[in-house]
Amino acid sequence: MGFGLILPENFLILIYPRGNSRRFSAWADYCRQKYGSRIQKVSVNAGFSCPNRDGTISYGGCDFCNNEGFNPSYCLPGLPITAQLNKGLRFLKKRYRKSSIFAAYFQAYSNTHAPLERLKQVYSEALKHPEISGIVIGTRPDCVDEEKLDYLGRLSENHFVKIEYGIESCYNETLYRINRGHTFEDSANAVKLSAQKGLLTGAHMIFGLPGESRQQMLEQVSFINELPLKTIKFHQLQIVKNTPMAEEFLKNPGNFDLFSLDEYIKFIVRFLERLRPEISLERFSGEVPPGLNVGKSWGMIRADQVISLIEQELELQDTWQGKKYQNG
């Protein structure tokens, strides 16, 4: 489709109170100003695994992970990439009628956990689709290397390419406890190398992991601020059926300090105040089907409603993203 760069890459938008209406930097708004439209992701499952599932480093996967909790119904790993995209586009065009830019979202498991030639085959098939303008790759920091990132950097010269890393926590003790199989230092190195290659780089964080106090969770903002991230996603910890974490929760619920909705809203506001204002927010919360959630339930509230509550709290406290950010 040929992405025209409407704004320079370091252009800062939607940072209150500089004459803008929102009190945080929203990724969707950034895309509208830079690309002319939000970028709608079309999930595909390319059949990848994870190094802590297939025995590369361990087995069992992350303690919290059950992909049934977020895999869209149209996203079936047995189908070719093109067929998955066709099904996804039919569904999303009905749901998001104003969307005009679509990117294939390699979401399930670790989507760089394969030899480069396999990755080229998968990504190329997606980019050949006439309605797909780019790719978004969800992966782990220990599943990239310079050769893979060089390839993605070259792809990004003509396509929208974004890579998202599951950081989850900045504390190695936590990462070990939940069987991530990598360290925070691995995350920091992967993010820095990706940014050096000119890639749009995002991260995913989970708040409420066992063993972390609320203050420890908040203090992670200083680590995040030092990374060259363009976007970040926040999720509250949800205890999902058929996971090791669900087994632990049912046996020892006292090991967990799960957020109520009101607690989470107030926590996110405190985190946002300290977050570097150039980082754009993609998500504030996660959703799993009620039948799979065995932890603290927020009822039927949706992600967009959580955003509204956060904006109301920001307004109530007369605060905004970066208000308490201190560079250096």
C-alpha atoms as a PDB file:
ATOM      1  CA  MET A   1       0.000   0.000   0.000  1.00  0.00           C
ATOM      2  CA  GLY A   2       3.033   2.254   0.393  1.00  0.00           C
ATOM      3  CA  PHE A   3       3.158   3.851   3.821  1.00  0.00           C
ATOM      4  CA  GLY A   4       3.561   7.598   3.581  1.00  0.00           C
ATOM      5  CA  LEU A   5       5.274   9.021   6.641  1.00  0.00           C
ATOM      6  CA  ILE A   6       3.011  11.857   7.638  1.00  0.00           C
ATOM      7  CA  LEU A   7       5.007  12.713  10.762  1.00  0.00           C
ATOM      8  CA  PRO A   8       8.643  12.259  11.755  1.00  0.00           C
ATOM      9  CA  GLU A   9       9.303   9.151  13.831  1.00  0.00           C
ATOM     10  CA  ASN A  10      10.135  11.098  16.989  1.00  0.00           C
ATOM     11  CA  PHE A  11       7.018  13.283  16.788  1.00  0.00           C
ATOM     12  CA  LEU A  12       5.249  13.370  20.154  1.00  0.00           C
ATOM     13  CA  ILE A  13       1.468  13.427  20.093  1.00  0.00           C
ATOM     14  CA  LEU A  14      -1.412  13.349  22.495  1.00  0.00           C
ATOM     15  CA  ILE A  15       0.596  14.128  25.619  1.00  0.00           C
ATOM     16  CA  TYR A  16      -1.527  16.114  28.039  1.00  0.00           C
ATOM     17  CA  PRO A  17      -1.555  19.058  28.726  1.00  0.00           C
ATOM     18  CA  ARG A  18      -0.034  20.261  25.444  1.00  0.00           C
ATOM     19  CA  GLY A  19      -3.313  21.280  23.904  1.00  0.00           C
ATOM     20  CA  ASN A  20      -4.535  17.702  23.385  1.00  0.00           C
ATOM     21  CA  SER A  21      -7.632  16.015  24.733  1.00  0.00           C
ATOM     22  CA  ARG A  22      -6.230  12.714  26.000  1.00  0.00           C
ATOM     23  CA  ARG A  23      -4.061  12.284  29.054  1.00  0.00           C
ATOM     24  CA  PHE A  24      -2.014   9.401  27.697  1.00  0.00           C
ATOM     25  CA  SER A  25      -0.322   8.591  24.412  1.00  0.00           C
ATOM     26  CA  ALA A  26      -2.577   6.119  22.596  1.00  0.00           C
ATOM     27  CA  TRP A  27      -1.060   3.921  19.901  1.00  0.00           C
ATOM     28  CA  ALA A  28      -4.255   3.984  17.832  1.00  0.00           C
ATOM     29  CA  ASP A  29      -4.192   7.790  17.769  1.00  0.00           C
ATOM     30  CA  TYR A  30      -0.514   7.794  16.821  1.00  0.00           C
ATOM     31  CA  CYS A  31      -1.281   5.496  13.878  1.00  0.00           C
ATOM     32  CA  ARG A  32      -4.147   7.690  12.692  1.00  0.00           C
ATOM     33  CA  GLN A  33      -1.886  10.733  12.621  1.00  0.00           C
ATOM     34  CA  LYS A  34       1.120   8.978  11.116  1.00  0.00           C
ATOM     35  CA  TYR A  35      -0.518   6.521   8.702  1.00  0.00           C
ATOM     36  CA  GLY A  36      -3.968   8.047   8.230  1.00  0.00           C
ATOM     37  CA  SER A  37      -5.795   5.167   9.928  1.00  0.00           C
ATOM     38  CA  ARG A  38      -5.578   2.841  12.869  1.00  0.00           C
ATOM     39  CA  ILE A  39      -3.795  -0.399  12.011  1.00  0.00           C
ATOM     40  CA  GLN A  40      -6.105  -3.340  12.537  1.00  0.00           C
ATOM     41  CA  LYS A  41      -4.320  -6.573  13.395  1.00  0.00           C
ATOM     42  CA  VAL A  42      -5.509  -9.857  11.876  1.00  0.00           C
ATOM     43  CA  SER A  43      -4.388 -12.732  14.073  1.00  0.00           C
ATOM     44  CA  VAL A  44      -2.818 -15.778  12.482  1.00  0.00           C
ATOM     45  CA  ASN A  45      -1.377 -18.923  14.025  1.00  0.00           C
ATOM     46  CA  ALA A  46       1.658 -20.140  12.096  1.00  0.00           C
ATOM     47  CA  GLY A  47       2.156 -23.227  14.246  1.00  0.00           C
ATOM     48  CA  PHE A  48       5.203 -22.029  16.171  1.00  0.00           C
ATOM     49  CA  SER A  49       6.028 -23.276  19.640  1.00  0.00           C
ATOM     50  CA  CYS A  50       8.130 -21.783  22.468  1.00  0.00           C
ATOM     51  CA  PRO A  51      11.582 -22.782  23.696  1.00  0.00           C
ATOM     52  CA  ASN A  52      10.177 -23.428  27.175  1.00  0.00           C
ATOM     53  CA  ARG A  53       7.531 -25.736  25.695  1.00  0.00           C
ATOM     54  CA  ASP A  54       9.338 -27.842  23.128  1.00  0.00           C
ATOM     55  CA  GLY A  55      12.372 -28.738  25.218  1.00  0.00           C
ATOM     56  CA  THR A  56      14.784 -26.226  23.704  1.00  0.00           C
ATOM     57  CA  ILE A  57      15.301 -24.875  27.221  1.00  0.00           C
ATOM     58  CA  SER A  58      12.474 -26.534  29.201  1.00  0.00           C
ATOM     59  CA  TYR A  59       8.952 -27.938  28.995  1.00  0.00           C
ATOM     60  CA  GLY A  60       5.499 -26.834  30.111  1.00  0.00           C
ATOM     61  CA  GLY A  61       5.554 -23.250  28.896  1.00  0.00           C
ATOM     62  CA  CYS A  62       4.939 -20.181  31.045  1.00  0.00           C
ATOM     63  CA  ASP A  63       2.917 -20.972  34.151  1.00  0.00           C
ATOM     64  CA  PHE A  64       0.173 -18.494  33.194  1.00  0.00           C
ATOM     65  CA  CYS A  65      -0.168 -19.414  29.517  1.00  0.00           C
ATOM     66  CA  ASN A  66      -3.160 -21.031  27.868  1.00  0.00           C
ATOM     67  CA  ASN A  67      -3.544 -19.774  24.305  1.00  0.00           C
ATOM     68  CA  GLU A  68      -7.210 -20.782  24.254  1.00  0.00           C
ATOM     69  CA  GLY A  69      -7.769 -17.700  26.381  1.00  0.00           C
ATOM     70  CA  PHE A  70      -6.969 -15.220  23.609  1.00  0.00           C
ATOM     71  CA  ASN A  71      -6.829 -17.098  20.298  1.00  0.00           C
ATOM     72  CA  PRO A  72      -9.642 -15.779  18.050  1.00  0.00           C
ATOM     73  CA  SER A  73     -12.140 -18.320  16.774  1.00  0.00           C
ATOM     74  CA  TYR A  74     -11.172 -17.595  13.154  1.00  0.00           C
ATOM     75  CA  CYS A  75      -7.491 -18.278  13.856  1.00  0.00           C
ATOM     76  CA  LEU A  76      -6.894 -21.996  13.241  1.00  0.00           C
ATOM     77  CA  PRO A  77      -3.311 -23.286  13.022  1.00  0.00           C
ATOM     78  CA  GLY A  78      -4.286 -26.084  10.627  1.00  0.00           C
ATOM     79  CA  LEU A  79      -5.213 -23.581   7.922  1.00  0.00           C
ATOM     80  CA  PRO A  80      -2.684 -21.947   5.570  1.00  0.00           C
ATOM     81  CA  ILE A  81      -1.730 -18.378   6.468  1.00  0.00           C
ATOM     82  CA  THR A  82      -3.670 -16.959   3.502  1.00  0.00           C
ATOM     83  CA  ALA A  83      -6.830 -18.833   4.478  1.00  0.00           C
ATOM     84  CA  GLN A  84      -6.565 -17.610   8.078  1.00  0.00           C
ATOM     85  CA  LEU A  85      -6.144 -14.047   6.862  1.00  0.00           C
ATOM     86  CA  ASN A  86      -9.206 -14.339   4.609  1.00  0.00           C
ATOM     87  CA  LYS A  87     -11.347 -15.588   7.493  1.00  0.00           C
ATOM     88  CA  GLY A  88     -10.000 -12.920   9.817  1.00  0.00           C
ATOM     89  CA  LEU A  89     -10.538 -10.110   7.339  1.00  0.00           C
ATOM     90  CA  ARG A  90     -14.153 -11.118   6.742  1.00  0.00           C
ATOM     91  CA  PHE A  91     -14.789 -11.031  10.485  1.00  0.00           C
ATOM     92  CA  LEU A  92     -12.911  -7.806  11.215  1.00  0.00           C
ATOM     93  CA  LYS A  93     -14.306  -5.807   8.314  1.00  0.00           C
ATOM     94  CA  LYS A  94     -17.776  -6.325   9.762  1.00  0.00           C
ATOM     95  CA  ARG A  95     -16.681  -5.423  13.271  1.00  0.00           C
ATOM     96  CA  TYR A  96     -14.392  -2.485  12.419  1.00  0.00           C
ATOM     97  CA  ARG A  97     -15.951  -0.923   9.368  1.00  0.00           C
ATOM     98  CA  LYS A  98     -13.718   2.169   9.421  1.00  0.00           C
ATOM     99  CA  SER A  99     -10.464   0.202   9.363  1.00  0.00           C
ATOM    100  CA  SER A 100      -8.498   0.541   6.140  1.00  0.00           C
ATOM    101  CA  ILE A 101      -5.039  -0.770   7.059  1.00  0.00           C
ATOM    102  CA  PHE A 102      -4.564  -4.378   8.086  1.00  0.00           C
ATOM    103  CA  ALA A 103      -1.488  -6.167   9.424  1.00  0.00           C
ATOM    104  CA  ALA A 104      -1.017  -9.886   9.935  1.00  0.00           C
ATOM    105  CA  TYR A 105      -0.557 -10.467  13.651  1.00  0.00           C
ATOM    106  CA  PHE A 106       1.600 -13.475  14.476  1.00  0.00           C
ATOM    107  CA  GLN A 107       0.320 -13.803  18.002  1.00  0.00           C
ATOM    108  CA  ALA A 108       0.256 -17.375  19.281  1.00  0.00           C
ATOM    109  CA  TYR A 109       3.385 -18.530  21.110  1.00  0.00           C
ATOM    110  CA  SER A 110       6.864 -17.379  19.936  1.00  0.00           C
ATOM    111  CA  ASN A 111       6.799 -16.269  16.327  1.00  0.00           C
ATOM    112  CA  THR A 112      10.530 -16.025  15.726  1.00  0.00           C
ATOM    113  CA  HIS A 113      11.242 -19.446  17.238  1.00  0.00           C
ATOM    114  CA  ALA A 114      12.286 -21.081  13.974  1.00  0.00           C
ATOM    115  CA  PRO A 115      15.130 -20.973  11.441  1.00  0.00           C
ATOM    116  CA  LEU A 116      15.265 -17.795   9.370  1.00  0.00           C
ATOM    117  CA  GLU A 117      14.227 -19.571   6.173  1.00  0.00           C
ATOM    118  CA  ARG A 118      11.021 -20.746   7.853  1.00  0.00           C
ATOM    119  CA  LEU A 119      10.315 -17.224   9.068  1.00  0.00           C
ATOM    120  CA  LYS A 120      10.854 -15.791   5.590  1.00  0.00           C
ATOM    121  CA  GLN A 121       8.364 -18.280   4.151  1.00  0.00           C
ATOM    122  CA  VAL A 122       5.689 -17.468   6.723  1.00  0.00           C
ATOM    123  CA  TYR A 123       6.067 -13.694   6.710  1.00  0.00           C
ATOM    124  CA  SER A 124       6.304 -13.544   2.904  1.00  0.00           C
ATOM    125  CA  GLU A 125       3.047 -15.437   2.510  1.00  0.00           C
ATOM    126  CA  ALA A 126       1.290 -12.932   4.751  1.00  0.00           C
ATOM    127  CA  LEU A 127       2.778  -9.915   2.973  1.00  0.00           C
ATOM    128  CA  LYS A 128       1.720 -11.272  -0.439  1.00  0.00           C
ATOM    129  CA  HIS A 129      -1.923 -10.967   0.591  1.00  0.00           C
ATOM    130  CA  PRO A 130      -3.369  -7.987  -1.329  1.00  0.00           C
ATOM    131  CA  GLU A 131      -5.125  -6.575   1.745  1.00  0.00           C
ATOM    132  CA  ILE A 132      -2.234  -6.960   4.191  1.00  0.00           C
ATOM    133  CA  SER A 133       0.097  -3.985   4.576  1.00  0.00           C
ATOM    134  CA  GLY A 134       2.451  -5.293   7.209  1.00  0.00           C
ATOM    135  CA  ILE A 135       3.181  -7.750   9.985  1.00  0.00           C
ATOM    136  CA  VAL A 136       3.199  -7.629  13.776  1.00  0.00           C
ATOM    137  CA  ILE A 137       5.284 -10.319  15.446  1.00  0.00           C
ATOM    138  CA  GLY A 138       4.773 -11.440  19.010  1.00  0.00           C
ATOM    139  CA  THR A 139       7.780 -13.262  20.404  1.00  0.00           C
ATOM    140  CA  ARG A 140      10.215 -13.776  23.257  1.00  0.00           C
ATOM    141  CA  PRO A 141      13.505 -11.931  23.743  1.00  0.00           C
ATOM    142  CA  ASP A 142      15.503 -15.168  23.606  1.00  0.00           C
ATOM    143  CA  CYS A 143      14.093 -16.074  20.182  1.00  0.00           C
ATOM    144  CA  VAL A 144      15.791 -13.349  18.115  1.00  0.00           C
ATOM    145  CA  ASP A 145      19.303 -12.763  16.899  1.00  0.00           C
ATOM    146  CA  GLU A 146      21.042 -10.211  14.730  1.00  0.00           C
ATOM    147  CA  GLU A 147      20.425 -12.155  11.511  1.00  0.00           C
ATOM    148  CA  LYS A 148      16.673 -12.351  12.082  1.00  0.00           C
ATOM    149  CA  LEU A 149      16.452  -8.701  13.094  1.00  0.00           C
ATOM    150  CA  ASP A 150      18.501  -7.639  10.059  1.00  0.00           C
ATOM    151  CA  TYR A 151      15.958  -9.410   7.865  1.00  0.00           C
ATOM    152  CA  LEU A 152      13.034  -7.719   9.626  1.00  0.00           C
ATOM    153  CA  GLY A 153      14.794  -4.387   9.340  1.00  0.00           C
ATOM    154  CA  ARG A 154      15.032  -4.822   5.573  1.00  0.00           C
ATOM    155  CA  LEU A 155      11.351  -5.785   5.416  1.00  0.00           C
ATOM    156  CA  SER A 156      10.437  -2.626   7.304  1.00  0.00           C
ATOM    157  CA  GLU A 157      11.865  -0.471   4.528  1.00  0.00           C
ATOM    158  CA  ASN A 158       8.793  -1.268   2.390  1.00  0.00           C
ATOM    159  CA  HIS A 159       6.238  -2.619   4.855  1.00  0.00           C
ATOM    160  CA  PHE A 160       4.827  -1.901   8.266  1.00  0.00           C
ATOM    161  CA  VAL A 161       6.799  -4.199  10.607  1.00  0.00           C
ATOM    162  CA  LYS A 162       6.455  -4.247  14.377  1.00  0.00           C
ATOM    163  CA  ILE A 163       7.951  -6.661  16.897  1.00  0.00           C
ATOM    164  CA  GLU A 164       6.482  -7.182  20.348  1.00  0.00           C
ATOM    165  CA  TYR A 165       8.369  -8.821  23.191  1.00  0.00           C
ATOM    166  CA  GLY A 166       6.869 -10.546  26.181  1.00  0.00           C
ATOM    167  CA  ILE A 167       8.862  -8.979  29.001  1.00  0.00           C
ATOM    168  CA  GLU A 168       6.154  -9.760  31.603  1.00  0.00           C
ATOM    169  CA  SER A 169       8.327  -8.722  34.584  1.00  0.00           C
ATOM    170  CA  CYS A 170      11.568  -6.831  35.178  1.00  0.00           C
ATOM    171  CA  TYR A 171      12.527  -9.132  38.052  1.00  0.00           C
ATOM    172  CA  ASN A 172      14.525 -12.272  37.331  1.00  0.00           C
ATOM    173  CA  GLU A 173      13.199 -13.997  40.438  1.00  0.00           C
ATOM    174  CA  THR A 174       9.666 -13.646  39.092  1.00  0.00           C
ATOM    175  CA  LEU A 175      10.650 -14.780  35.612  1.00  0.00           C
ATOM    176  CA  TYR A 176      12.258 -17.891  37.062  1.00  0.00           C
ATOM    177  CA  ARG A 177       9.224 -18.615  39.233  1.00  0.00           C
ATOM    178  CA  ILE A 178       6.805 -18.521  36.284  1.00  0.00           C
ATOM    179  CA  ASN A 179       9.081 -20.613  34.023  1.00  0.00           C
ATOM    180  CA  ARG A 180       9.770 -17.908  31.451  1.00  0.00           C
ATOM    181  CA  GLY A 181      13.228 -19.289  30.776  1.00  0.00           C
ATOM    182  CA  HIS A 182      14.849 -15.917  30.073  1.00  0.00           C
ATOM    183  CA  THR A 183      16.042 -12.952  32.099  1.00  0.00           C
ATOM    184  CA  PHE A 184      15.148  -9.279  32.069  1.00  0.00           C
ATOM    185  CA  GLU A 185      18.617  -8.633  30.687  1.00  0.00           C
ATOM    186  CA  ASP A 186      17.632 -10.766  27.683  1.00  0.00           C
ATOM    187  CA  SER A 187      14.581  -8.546  27.224  1.00  0.00           C
ATOM    188  CA  ALA A 188      16.571  -5.333  27.455  1.00  0.00           C
ATOM    189  CA  ASN A 189      19.153  -6.561  24.938  1.00  0.00           C
ATOM    190  CA  ALA A 190      16.505  -7.709  22.444  1.00  0.00           C
ATOM    191  CA  VAL A 191      14.607  -4.404  22.650  1.00  0.00           C
ATOM    192  CA  LYS A 192      17.771  -2.369  22.179  1.00  0.00           C
ATOM    193  CA  LEU A 193      18.988  -4.436  19.225  1.00  0.00           C
ATOM    194  CA  SER A 194      15.562  -4.285  17.552  1.00  0.00           C
ATOM    195  CA  ALA A 195      15.445  -0.507  17.894  1.00  0.00           C
ATOM    196  CA  GLN A 196      18.975  -0.265  16.478  1.00  0.00           C
ATOM    197  CA  LYS A 197      17.703  -2.112  13.393  1.00  0.00           C
ATOM    198  CA  GLY A 198      15.020   0.539  12.930  1.00  0.00           C
ATOM    199  CA  LEU A 199      12.128  -1.669  14.019  1.00  0.00           C
ATOM    200  CA  LEU A 200       9.025  -0.480  15.792  1.00  0.00           C
ATOM    201  CA  THR A 201       9.454  -2.249  19.103  1.00  0.00           C
ATOM    202  CA  GLY A 202       6.820  -3.021  21.718  1.00  0.00           C
ATOM    203  CA  ALA A 203       6.596  -4.841  25.030  1.00  0.00           C
ATOM    204  CA  HIS A 204       4.055  -6.710  27.111  1.00  0.00           C
ATOM    205  CA  MET A 205       3.881  -6.529  30.910  1.00  0.00           C
ATOM    206  CA  ILE A 206       1.761  -8.433  33.440  1.00  0.00           C
ATOM    207  CA  PHE A 207       0.836  -6.846  36.765  1.00  0.00           C
ATOM    208  CA  GLY A 208      -0.020  -9.122  39.668  1.00  0.00           C
ATOM    209  CA  LEU A 209       2.471 -11.946  39.179  1.00  0.00           C
ATOM    210  CA  PRO A 210       3.047 -13.953  42.358  1.00  0.00           C
ATOM    211  CA  GLY A 211       5.818 -12.787  44.659  1.00  0.00           C
ATOM    212  CA  GLU A 212       5.703  -9.137  43.591  1.00  0.00           C
ATOM    213  CA  SER A 213       4.374  -6.422  45.875  1.00  0.00           C
ATOM    214  CA  ARG A 214       2.401  -3.522  44.448  1.00  0.00           C
ATOM    215  CA  GLN A 215       5.382  -1.249  45.111  1.00  0.00           C
ATOM    216  CA  GLN A 216       7.711  -3.600  43.235  1.00  0.00           C
ATOM    217  CA  MET A 217       5.295  -3.628  40.306  1.00  0.00           C
ATOM    218  CA  LEU A 218       5.254   0.165  40.282  1.00  0.00           C
ATOM    219  CA  GLU A 219       9.023   0.460  40.463  1.00  0.00           C
ATOM    220  CA  GLN A 220       9.355  -1.459  37.198  1.00  0.00           C
ATOM    221  CA  VAL A 221       8.525   1.772  35.387  1.00  0.00           C
ATOM    222  CA  SER A 222      12.105   2.931  35.846  1.00  0.00           C
ATOM    223  CA  PHE A 223      13.383  -0.123  33.946  1.00  0.00           C
ATOM    224  CA  ILE A 224      10.819   0.334  31.181  1.00  0.00           C
ATOM    225  CA  ASN A 225      11.642   4.023  30.772  1.00  0.00           C
ATOM    226  CA  GLU A 226      15.247   3.166  29.958  1.00  0.00           C
ATOM    227  CA  LEU A 227      14.307   0.923  27.023  1.00  0.00           C
ATOM    228  CA  PRO A 228      13.854   2.273  23.446  1.00  0.00           C
ATOM    229  CA  LEU A 229      10.233   1.124  23.277  1.00  0.00           C
ATOM    230  CA  LYS A 230       7.613   2.625  20.999  1.00  0.00           C
ATOM    231  CA  THR A 231       4.622   0.794  22.495  1.00  0.00           C
ATOM    232  CA  ILE A 232       3.634  -1.154  25.569  1.00  0.00           C
ATOM    233  CA  LYS A 233       0.734  -3.388  26.582  1.00  0.00           C
ATOM    234  CA  PHE A 234      -0.376  -3.868  30.178  1.00  0.00           C
ATOM    235  CA  HIS A 235      -2.399  -6.835  31.401  1.00  0.00           C
ATOM    236  CA  GLN A 236      -3.667  -7.642  34.854  1.00  0.00           C
ATOM    237  CA  LEU A 237      -2.806 -11.199  35.864  1.00  0.00           C
ATOM    238  CA  GLN A 238      -5.656 -13.556  35.088  1.00  0.00           C
ATOM    239  CA  ILE A 239      -5.622 -17.125  36.351  1.00  0.00           C
ATOM    240  CA  VAL A 240      -6.563 -19.276  33.371  1.00  0.00           C
ATOM    241  CA  LYS A 241      -7.799 -22.850  33.527  1.00  0.00           C
ATOM    242  CA  ASN A 242      -5.508 -25.706  32.532  1.00  0.00           C
ATOM    243  CA  THR A 243      -2.302 -23.910  33.488  1.00  0.00           C
ATOM    244  CA  PRO A 244       0.279 -24.595  36.231  1.00  0.00           C
ATOM    245  CA  MET A 245      -0.605 -21.225  37.734  1.00  0.00           C
ATOM    246  CA  ALA A 246      -4.271 -22.230  38.026  1.00  0.00           C
ATOM    247  CA  GLU A 247      -3.220 -25.368  39.908  1.00  0.00           C
ATOM    248  CA  GLU A 248      -1.100 -23.286  42.293  1.00  0.00           C
ATOM    249  CA  PHE A 249      -3.891 -20.739  42.780  1.00  0.00           C
ATOM    250  CA  LEU A 250      -6.473 -23.392  43.645  1.00  0.00           C
ATOM    251  CA  LYS A 251      -4.098 -24.981  46.159  1.00  0.00           C
ATOM    252  CA  ASN A 252      -2.614 -21.780  47.624  1.00  0.00           C
ATOM    253  CA  PRO A 253      -4.682 -18.694  46.775  1.00  0.00           C
ATOM    254  CA  GLY A 254      -2.804 -16.757  49.447  1.00  0.00           C
ATOM    255  CA  ASN A 255       0.258 -16.769  47.173  1.00  0.00           C
ATOM    256  CA  PHE A 256      -1.518 -14.303  44.886  1.00  0.00           C
ATOM    257  CA  ASP A 257      -2.465 -10.646  45.286  1.00  0.00           C
ATOM    258  CA  LEU A 258      -4.871 -10.151  42.408  1.00  0.00           C
ATOM    259  CA  PHE A 259      -6.165  -6.695  41.553  1.00  0.00           C
ATOM    260  CA  SER A 260      -9.767  -5.687  41.940  1.00  0.00           C
ATOM    261  CA  LEU A 261     -10.918  -3.431  39.123  1.00  0.00           C
ATOM    262  CA  ASP A 262     -10.778  -0.307  41.294  1.00  0.00           C
ATOM    263  CA  GLU A 263      -7.312  -1.191  42.596  1.00  0.00           C
ATOM    264  CA  TYR A 264      -6.059  -1.775  39.082  1.00  0.00           C
ATOM    265  CA  ILE A 265      -7.377   1.538  37.772  1.00  0.00           C
ATOM    266  CA  LYS A 266      -5.603   3.437  40.536  1.00  0.00           C
ATOM    267  CA  PHE A 267      -2.405   1.427  40.069  1.00  0.00           C
ATOM    268  CA  ILE A 268      -2.303   2.072  36.309  1.00  0.00           C
ATOM    269  CA  VAL A 269      -2.746   5.798  36.895  1.00  0.00           C
ATOM    270  CA  ARG A 270       0.254   5.808  39.235  1.00  0.00           C
ATOM    271  CA  PHE A 271       2.288   3.863  36.683  1.00  0.00           C
ATOM    272  CA  LEU A 272       1.277   6.176  33.831  1.00  0.00           C
ATOM    273  CA  GLU A 273       2.325   9.254  35.788  1.00  0.00           C
ATOM    274  CA  ARG A 274       5.860   7.896  35.880  1.00  0.00           C
ATOM    275  CA  LEU A 275       5.974   6.429  32.368  1.00  0.00           C
ATOM    276  CA  ARG A 276       8.074   8.111  29.692  1.00  0.00           C
ATOM    277  CA  PRO A 277       5.553  10.134  27.640  1.00  0.00           C
ATOM    278  CA  GLU A 278       6.871   9.013  24.225  1.00  0.00           C
ATOM    279  CA  ILE A 279       5.788   5.401  24.829  1.00  0.00           C
ATOM    280  CA  SER A 280       2.393   4.708  23.258  1.00  0.00           C
ATOM    281  CA  LEU A 281      -0.160   2.550  25.053  1.00  0.00           C
ATOM    282  CA  GLU A 282      -1.756  -0.316  23.130  1.00  0.00           C
ATOM    283  CA  ARG A 283      -3.637  -2.119  25.895  1.00  0.00           C
ATOM    284  CA  PHE A 284      -4.352  -1.568  29.560  1.00  0.00           C
ATOM    285  CA  SER A 285      -6.013  -4.871  30.428  1.00  0.00           C
ATOM    286  CA  GLY A 286      -6.583  -8.410  29.246  1.00  0.00           C
ATOM    287  CA  GLU A 287      -9.702 -10.447  28.666  1.00  0.00           C
ATOM    288  CA  VAL A 288     -10.167 -14.200  28.761  1.00  0.00           C
ATOM    289  CA  PRO A 289     -13.502 -15.994  28.301  1.00  0.00           C
ATOM    290  CA  PRO A 290     -15.323 -16.164  31.659  1.00  0.00           C
ATOM    291  CA  GLY A 291     -15.374 -19.946  31.485  1.00  0.00           C
ATOM    292  CA  LEU A 292     -11.581 -20.071  31.509  1.00  0.00           C
ATOM    293  CA  ASN A 293     -10.984 -17.554  34.313  1.00  0.00           C
ATOM    294  CA  VAL A 294     -10.541 -19.103  37.762  1.00  0.00           C
ATOM    295  CA  GLY A 295      -9.148 -16.009  39.495  1.00  0.00           C
ATOM    296  CA  LYS A 296     -10.672 -12.720  40.577  1.00  0.00           C
ATOM    297  CA  SER A 297     -13.388 -11.713  38.115  1.00  0.00           C
ATOM    298  CA  TRP A 298     -14.155  -8.179  36.998  1.00  0.00           C
ATOM    299  CA  GLY A 299     -17.485  -9.281  35.597  1.00  0.00           C
ATOM    300  CA  MET A 300     -18.302  -8.640  31.962  1.00  0.00           C
ATOM    301  CA  ILE A 301     -16.362  -5.378  31.665  1.00  0.00           C
ATOM    302  CA  ARG A 302     -14.562  -4.961  28.341  1.00  0.00           C
ATOM    303  CA  ALA A 303     -11.164  -3.457  27.557  1.00  0.00           C
ATOM    304  CA  ASP A 304     -12.651  -0.231  26.158  1.00  0.00           C
ATOM    305  CA  GLN A 305     -14.617   0.252  29.377  1.00  0.00           C
ATOM    306  CA  VAL A 306     -11.426  -0.154  31.398  1.00  0.00           C
ATOM    307  CA  ILE A 307      -9.824   2.586  29.283  1.00  0.00           C
ATOM    308  CA  SER A 308     -12.769   4.881  30.005  1.00  0.00           C
ATOM    309  CA  LEU A 309     -12.398   4.284  33.733  1.00  0.00           C
ATOM    310  CA  ILE A 310      -8.672   5.031  33.544  1.00  0.00           C
ATOM    311  CA  GLU A 311      -9.351   8.263  31.677  1.00  0.00           C
ATOM    312  CA  GLN A 312     -11.931   9.242  34.276  1.00  0.00           C
ATOM    313  CA  GLU A 313      -9.423   8.605  37.072  1.00  0.00           C
ATOM    314  CA  LEU A 314      -6.738  10.611  35.268  1.00  0.00           C
ATOM    315  CA  GLU A 315      -9.208  13.470  34.969  1.00  0.00           C
ATOM    316  CA  LEU A 316     -10.284  13.163  38.589  1.00  0.00           C
ATOM    317  CA  GLN A 317      -6.672  13.313  39.811  1.00  0.00           C
ATOM    318  CA  ASP A 318      -5.736  15.972  37.233  1.00  0.00           C
ATOM    319  CA  THR A 319      -2.770  13.895  36.121  1.00  0.00           C
ATOM    320  CA  TRP A 320      -1.416  12.422  32.882  1.00  0.00           C
ATOM    321  CA  GLN A 321       1.202  10.135  31.401  1.00  0.00           C
ATOM    322  CA  GLY A 322       4.657  11.381  32.269  1.00  0.00           C
ATOM    323  CA  LYS A 323       3.579  13.991  34.799  1.00  0.00           C
ATOM    324  CA  LYS A 324       6.022  12.548  37.336  1.00  0.00           C
ATOM    325  CA  TYR A 325       8.531  11.228  34.799  1.00  0.00           C
ATOM    326  CA  GLN A 326      12.068  12.293  35.526  1.00  0.00           C
ATOM    327  CA  ASN A 327      14.553  11.855  32.700  1.00  0.00           C
ATOM    328  CA  GLY A 328      17.753  10.423  34.123  1.00  0.00           C
END
